């Protein structure tokens, strides 16, 4: 009789240990899944920020990046094409948002010395910081930010402000 009672006790202890291990594994898998999803959303937000930056640099940087620009804010959700054609979405999800903030940092000498530079003597350049921020509003509110420096040759007397 005592053998049957001890077998039942050993079986209950083993069952309890297996239940505890199972519960711990489920909790660990849920945590890993949450971390993986957060990384995916962050990766998508980073890709959206890069896409917005590429779209700006390819299509509108020449018209926006001009001397005298203090700050300009843009919002992108599609990549505009040539007139008469439909815009192509650049974002992963319709609820995603990309905003660009363009700031002029400095306008002045191009930093080269002597008379042998390619721009000529006394040439001026204007430097900008372009900040692209992507925000995933629907899922985990993931946010990614990319900064890019850009410069343009400034027309004569453009930096006199």
C-alpha atoms as a PDB file:
ATOM      1  CA  UNK A   1       0.000   0.000   0.000  1.00  0.00           C
ATOM      2  CA  UNK A   2       2.763   2.425   0.814  1.00  0.00           C
ATOM      3  CA  UNK A   3       4.286   1.819  -2.596  1.00  0.00           C
ATOM      4  CA  UNK A   4       1.081   2.973  -4.303  1.00  0.00           C
ATOM      5  CA  UNK A   5       0.983   6.102  -2.161  1.00  0.00           C
ATOM      6  CA  UNK A   6       4.626   6.947  -2.865  1.00  0.00           C
ATOM      7  CA  UNK A   7       4.160   6.358  -6.602  1.00  0.00           C
ATOM      8  CA  UNK A   8       1.257   8.770  -6.610  1.00  0.00           C
ATOM      9  CA  UNK A   9       3.307  11.385  -4.710  1.00  0.00           C
ATOM     10  CA  UNK A  10       6.253  11.035  -7.118  1.00  0.00           C
ATOM     11  CA  UNK A  11       3.864  11.311 -10.075  1.00  0.00           C
ATOM     12  CA  UNK A  12       2.300  14.501  -8.635  1.00  0.00           C
ATOM     13  CA  UNK A  13       5.729  16.056  -7.970  1.00  0.00           C
ATOM     14  CA  UNK A  14       6.909  15.247 -11.530  1.00  0.00           C
ATOM     15  CA  UNK A  15       3.638  16.594 -12.941  1.00  0.00           C
ATOM     16  CA  UNK A  16       4.054  19.791 -10.913  1.00  0.00           C
ATOM     17  CA  UNK A  17       7.649  20.256 -12.122  1.00  0.00           C
ATOM     18  CA  UNK A  18       6.613  19.672 -15.740  1.00  0.00           C
ATOM     19  CA  UNK A  19       3.766  22.187 -15.362  1.00  0.00           C
ATOM     20  CA  UNK A  20       6.179  24.777 -13.946  1.00  0.00           C
ATOM     21  CA  UNK A  21       8.631  24.194 -16.811  1.00  0.00           C
ATOM     22  CA  UNK A  22       5.792  24.495 -19.352  1.00  0.00           C
ATOM     23  CA  UNK A  23       4.545  27.747 -17.823  1.00  0.00           C
ATOM     24  CA  UNK A  24       8.073  29.185 -17.832  1.00  0.00           C
ATOM     25  CA  UNK A  25       8.574  28.232 -21.491  1.00  0.00           C
ATOM     26  CA  UNK A  26       5.292  29.845 -22.531  1.00  0.00           C
ATOM     27  CA  UNK A  27       6.240  33.041 -20.695  1.00  0.00           C
ATOM     28  CA  UNK A  28       9.690  33.045 -22.321  1.00  0.00           C
ATOM     29  CA  UNK A  29       8.231  32.506 -25.797  1.00  0.00           C
ATOM     30  CA  UNK A  30       5.756  35.358 -25.313  1.00  0.00           C
ATOM     31  CA  UNK A  31       8.560  37.682 -24.260  1.00  0.00           C
ATOM     32  CA  UNK A  32      10.686  36.666 -27.250  1.00  0.00           C
ATOM     33  CA  UNK A  33       7.738  37.223 -29.574  1.00  0.00           C
ATOM     34  CA  UNK A  34       7.156  40.712 -28.170  1.00  0.00           C
ATOM     35  CA  UNK A  35      10.832  41.624 -28.585  1.00  0.00           C
ATOM     36  CA  UNK A  36      10.875  40.280 -32.147  1.00  0.00           C
ATOM     37  CA  UNK A  37       7.739  42.237 -33.084  1.00  0.00           C
ATOM     38  CA  UNK A  38       9.170  45.435 -31.573  1.00  0.00           C
ATOM     39  CA  UNK A  39      12.361  44.972 -33.599  1.00  0.00           C
ATOM     40  CA  UNK A  40      10.321  44.419 -36.753  1.00  0.00           C
ATOM     41  CA  UNK A  41       8.289  47.602 -36.187  1.00  0.00           C
ATOM     42  CA  UNK A  42      11.474  49.564 -35.479  1.00  0.00           C
ATOM     43  CA  UNK A  43      13.077  48.176 -38.633  1.00  0.00           C
ATOM     44  CA  UNK A  44      10.029  49.199 -40.673  1.00  0.00           C
ATOM     45  CA  UNK A  45      10.067  52.676 -39.119  1.00  0.00           C
ATOM     46  CA  UNK A  46      13.772  53.018 -39.966  1.00  0.00           C
ATOM     47  CA  UNK A  47      13.102  51.906 -43.544  1.00  0.00           C
ATOM     48  CA  UNK A  48      10.268  54.450 -43.803  1.00  0.00           C
ATOM     49  CA  UNK A  49      12.611  57.201 -42.589  1.00  0.00           C
ATOM     50  CA  UNK A  50      15.194  56.200 -45.198  1.00  0.00           C
ATOM     51  CA  UNK A  51      12.552  56.050 -47.942  1.00  0.00           C
ATOM     52  CA  UNK A  52      11.330  59.530 -47.036  1.00  0.00           C
ATOM     53  CA  UNK A  53      14.877  60.849 -47.102  1.00  0.00           C
ATOM     54  CA  UNK A  54      15.554  59.232 -50.494  1.00  0.00           C
ATOM     55  CA  UNK A  55      12.318  60.595 -51.935  1.00  0.00           C
ATOM     56  CA  UNK A  56      13.179  64.106 -50.763  1.00  0.00           C
ATOM     57  CA  UNK A  57      16.761  63.990 -52.050  1.00  0.00           C
ATOM     58  CA  UNK A  58      15.716  62.578 -55.446  1.00  0.00           C
ATOM     59  CA  UNK A  59      12.773  64.865 -56.137  1.00  0.00           C
ATOM     60  CA  UNK A  60      12.745  68.111 -54.230  1.00  0.00           C
ATOM     61  CA  UNK A  61      16.143  68.776 -52.697  1.00  0.00           C
ATOM     62  CA  UNK A  62      17.196  71.185 -55.467  1.00  0.00           C
ATOM     63  CA  UNK A  63      14.163  73.414 -54.970  1.00  0.00           C
ATOM     64  CA  UNK A  64      14.099  73.301 -51.146  1.00  0.00           C
ATOM     65  CA  UNK A  65      17.818  73.414 -50.317  1.00  0.00           C
ATOM     66  CA  UNK A  66      18.466  77.061 -51.070  1.00  0.00           C
ATOM     67  CA  UNK A  67      20.400  79.714 -49.123  1.00  0.00           C
ATOM     68  CA  UNK A  68      18.235  81.661 -46.712  1.00  0.00           C
ATOM     69  CA  UNK A  69      16.158  78.671 -45.651  1.00  0.00           C
ATOM     70  CA  UNK A  70      15.961  78.771 -41.873  1.00  0.00           C
ATOM     71  CA  UNK A  71      13.755  75.735 -41.423  1.00  0.00           C
ATOM     72  CA  UNK A  72      11.271  73.788 -43.506  1.00  0.00           C
ATOM     73  CA  UNK A  73       8.976  70.977 -42.396  1.00  0.00           C
ATOM     74  CA  UNK A  74       7.559  68.437 -44.830  1.00  0.00           C
ATOM     75  CA  UNK A  75       5.307  65.402 -44.432  1.00  0.00           C
ATOM     76  CA  UNK A  76       5.546  62.519 -46.890  1.00  0.00           C
ATOM     77  CA  UNK A  77       3.317  59.529 -47.444  1.00  0.00           C
ATOM     78  CA  UNK A  78       3.891  58.929 -51.144  1.00  0.00           C
ATOM     79  CA  UNK A  79       6.619  59.376 -53.692  1.00  0.00           C
ATOM     80  CA  UNK A  80       5.372  61.929 -56.231  1.00  0.00           C
ATOM     81  CA  UNK A  81       6.180  61.139 -59.853  1.00  0.00           C
ATOM     82  CA  UNK A  82       6.277  63.235 -63.007  1.00  0.00           C
ATOM     83  CA  UNK A  83       3.199  65.342 -63.632  1.00  0.00           C
ATOM     84  CA  UNK A  84       0.198  63.404 -64.851  1.00  0.00           C
ATOM     85  CA  UNK A  85       1.206  60.117 -63.193  1.00  0.00           C
ATOM     86  CA  UNK A  86      -0.050  58.700 -59.940  1.00  0.00           C
ATOM     87  CA  UNK A  87       2.060  58.952 -56.790  1.00  0.00           C
ATOM     88  CA  UNK A  88       3.582  55.723 -55.484  1.00  0.00           C
ATOM     89  CA  UNK A  89       3.274  54.980 -51.744  1.00  0.00           C
ATOM     90  CA  UNK A  90       6.647  54.849 -49.997  1.00  0.00           C
ATOM     91  CA  UNK A  91       5.502  53.694 -46.569  1.00  0.00           C
ATOM     92  CA  UNK A  92       4.880  50.156 -45.328  1.00  0.00           C
ATOM     93  CA  UNK A  93       1.484  50.882 -43.758  1.00  0.00           C
ATOM     94  CA  UNK A  94      -1.134  53.542 -44.457  1.00  0.00           C
ATOM     95  CA  UNK A  95      -1.005  54.684 -40.819  1.00  0.00           C
ATOM     96  CA  UNK A  96       2.773  55.299 -40.910  1.00  0.00           C
ATOM     97  CA  UNK A  97       4.003  58.877 -41.057  1.00  0.00           C
ATOM     98  CA  UNK A  98       7.278  60.419 -42.222  1.00  0.00           C
ATOM     99  CA  UNK A  99       8.177  63.993 -41.460  1.00  0.00           C
ATOM    100  CA  UNK A 100      11.228  65.835 -42.715  1.00  0.00           C
ATOM    101  CA  UNK A 101      12.776  68.830 -41.017  1.00  0.00           C
ATOM    102  CA  UNK A 102      15.338  70.739 -43.052  1.00  0.00           C
ATOM    103  CA  UNK A 103      17.496  73.322 -41.305  1.00  0.00           C
ATOM    104  CA  UNK A 104      20.202  75.555 -42.699  1.00  0.00           C
ATOM    105  CA  UNK A 105      23.313  75.229 -40.574  1.00  0.00           C
ATOM    106  CA  UNK A 106      25.760  77.619 -42.189  1.00  0.00           C
ATOM    107  CA  UNK A 107      26.283  79.688 -45.302  1.00  0.00           C
ATOM    108  CA  UNK A 108      29.753  80.905 -46.149  1.00  0.00           C
ATOM    109  CA  UNK A 109      33.157  80.000 -47.518  1.00  0.00           C
ATOM    110  CA  UNK A 110      33.391  76.480 -48.873  1.00  0.00           C
ATOM    111  CA  UNK A 111      36.320  75.732 -46.560  1.00  0.00           C
ATOM    112  CA  UNK A 112      38.916  75.246 -49.283  1.00  0.00           C
ATOM    113  CA  UNK A 113      41.989  77.400 -49.447  1.00  0.00           C
ATOM    114  CA  UNK A 114      44.101  78.733 -52.265  1.00  0.00           C
ATOM    115  CA  UNK A 115      43.092  79.383 -55.839  1.00  0.00           C
ATOM    116  CA  UNK A 116      43.080  75.783 -57.057  1.00  0.00           C
ATOM    117  CA  UNK A 117      39.694  74.696 -55.759  1.00  0.00           C
ATOM    118  CA  UNK A 118      37.092  73.462 -58.207  1.00  0.00           C
ATOM    119  CA  UNK A 119      34.532  76.112 -57.328  1.00  0.00           C
ATOM    120  CA  UNK A 120      36.836  79.041 -57.892  1.00  0.00           C
ATOM    121  CA  UNK A 121      38.154  81.665 -55.526  1.00  0.00           C
ATOM    122  CA  UNK A 122      35.715  82.944 -52.915  1.00  0.00           C
ATOM    123  CA  UNK A 123      33.013  80.387 -53.659  1.00  0.00           C
ATOM    124  CA  UNK A 124      30.320  80.016 -51.029  1.00  0.00           C
ATOM    125  CA  UNK A 125      28.445  76.912 -49.890  1.00  0.00           C
ATOM    126  CA  UNK A 126      25.346  76.466 -47.798  1.00  0.00           C
ATOM    127  CA  UNK A 127      25.119  73.490 -45.415  1.00  0.00           C
ATOM    128  CA  UNK A 128      21.904  71.823 -44.251  1.00  0.00           C
ATOM    129  CA  UNK A 129      20.821  69.174 -41.790  1.00  0.00           C
ATOM    130  CA  UNK A 130      17.951  66.998 -43.027  1.00  0.00           C
ATOM    131  CA  UNK A 131      16.194  65.050 -40.302  1.00  0.00           C
ATOM    132  CA  UNK A 132      13.806  62.292 -41.327  1.00  0.00           C
ATOM    133  CA  UNK A 133      11.515  60.921 -38.627  1.00  0.00           C
ATOM    134  CA  UNK A 134       9.204  57.957 -39.200  1.00  0.00           C
ATOM    135  CA  UNK A 135       6.450  57.133 -36.751  1.00  0.00           C
ATOM    136  CA  UNK A 136       4.372  53.956 -36.694  1.00  0.00           C
ATOM    137  CA  UNK A 137       1.103  55.089 -35.151  1.00  0.00           C
ATOM    138  CA  UNK A 138      -0.892  51.883 -35.470  1.00  0.00           C
ATOM    139  CA  UNK A 139       1.276  49.223 -33.901  1.00  0.00           C
ATOM    140  CA  UNK A 140       3.824  49.850 -31.176  1.00  0.00           C
ATOM    141  CA  UNK A 141       4.375  53.541 -31.798  1.00  0.00           C
ATOM    142  CA  UNK A 142       7.881  52.754 -33.052  1.00  0.00           C
ATOM    143  CA  UNK A 143       9.886  55.827 -34.023  1.00  0.00           C
ATOM    144  CA  UNK A 144      13.104  56.064 -36.065  1.00  0.00           C
ATOM    145  CA  UNK A 145      15.148  59.137 -36.862  1.00  0.00           C
ATOM    146  CA  UNK A 146      17.903  59.644 -39.445  1.00  0.00           C
ATOM    147  CA  UNK A 147      20.017  62.766 -39.939  1.00  0.00           C
ATOM    148  CA  UNK A 148      21.784  63.639 -43.169  1.00  0.00           C
ATOM    149  CA  UNK A 149      24.111  66.515 -43.905  1.00  0.00           C
ATOM    150  CA  UNK A 150      23.917  68.153 -47.315  1.00  0.00           C
ATOM    151  CA  UNK A 151      25.500  71.162 -48.958  1.00  0.00           C
ATOM    152  CA  UNK A 152      24.967  73.187 -52.110  1.00  0.00           C
ATOM    153  CA  UNK A 153      27.001  75.764 -53.955  1.00  0.00           C
ATOM    154  CA  UNK A 154      25.578  79.152 -53.061  1.00  0.00           C
ATOM    155  CA  UNK A 155      24.996  81.780 -55.766  1.00  0.00           C
ATOM    156  CA  UNK A 156      27.042  84.995 -55.487  1.00  0.00           C
ATOM    157  CA  UNK A 157      25.931  87.246 -52.600  1.00  0.00           C
ATOM    158  CA  UNK A 158      23.554  84.532 -51.338  1.00  0.00           C
ATOM    159  CA  UNK A 159      25.129  84.377 -47.899  1.00  0.00           C
ATOM    160  CA  UNK A 160      24.790  88.100 -47.200  1.00  0.00           C
ATOM    161  CA  UNK A 161      21.815  87.935 -44.863  1.00  0.00           C
END
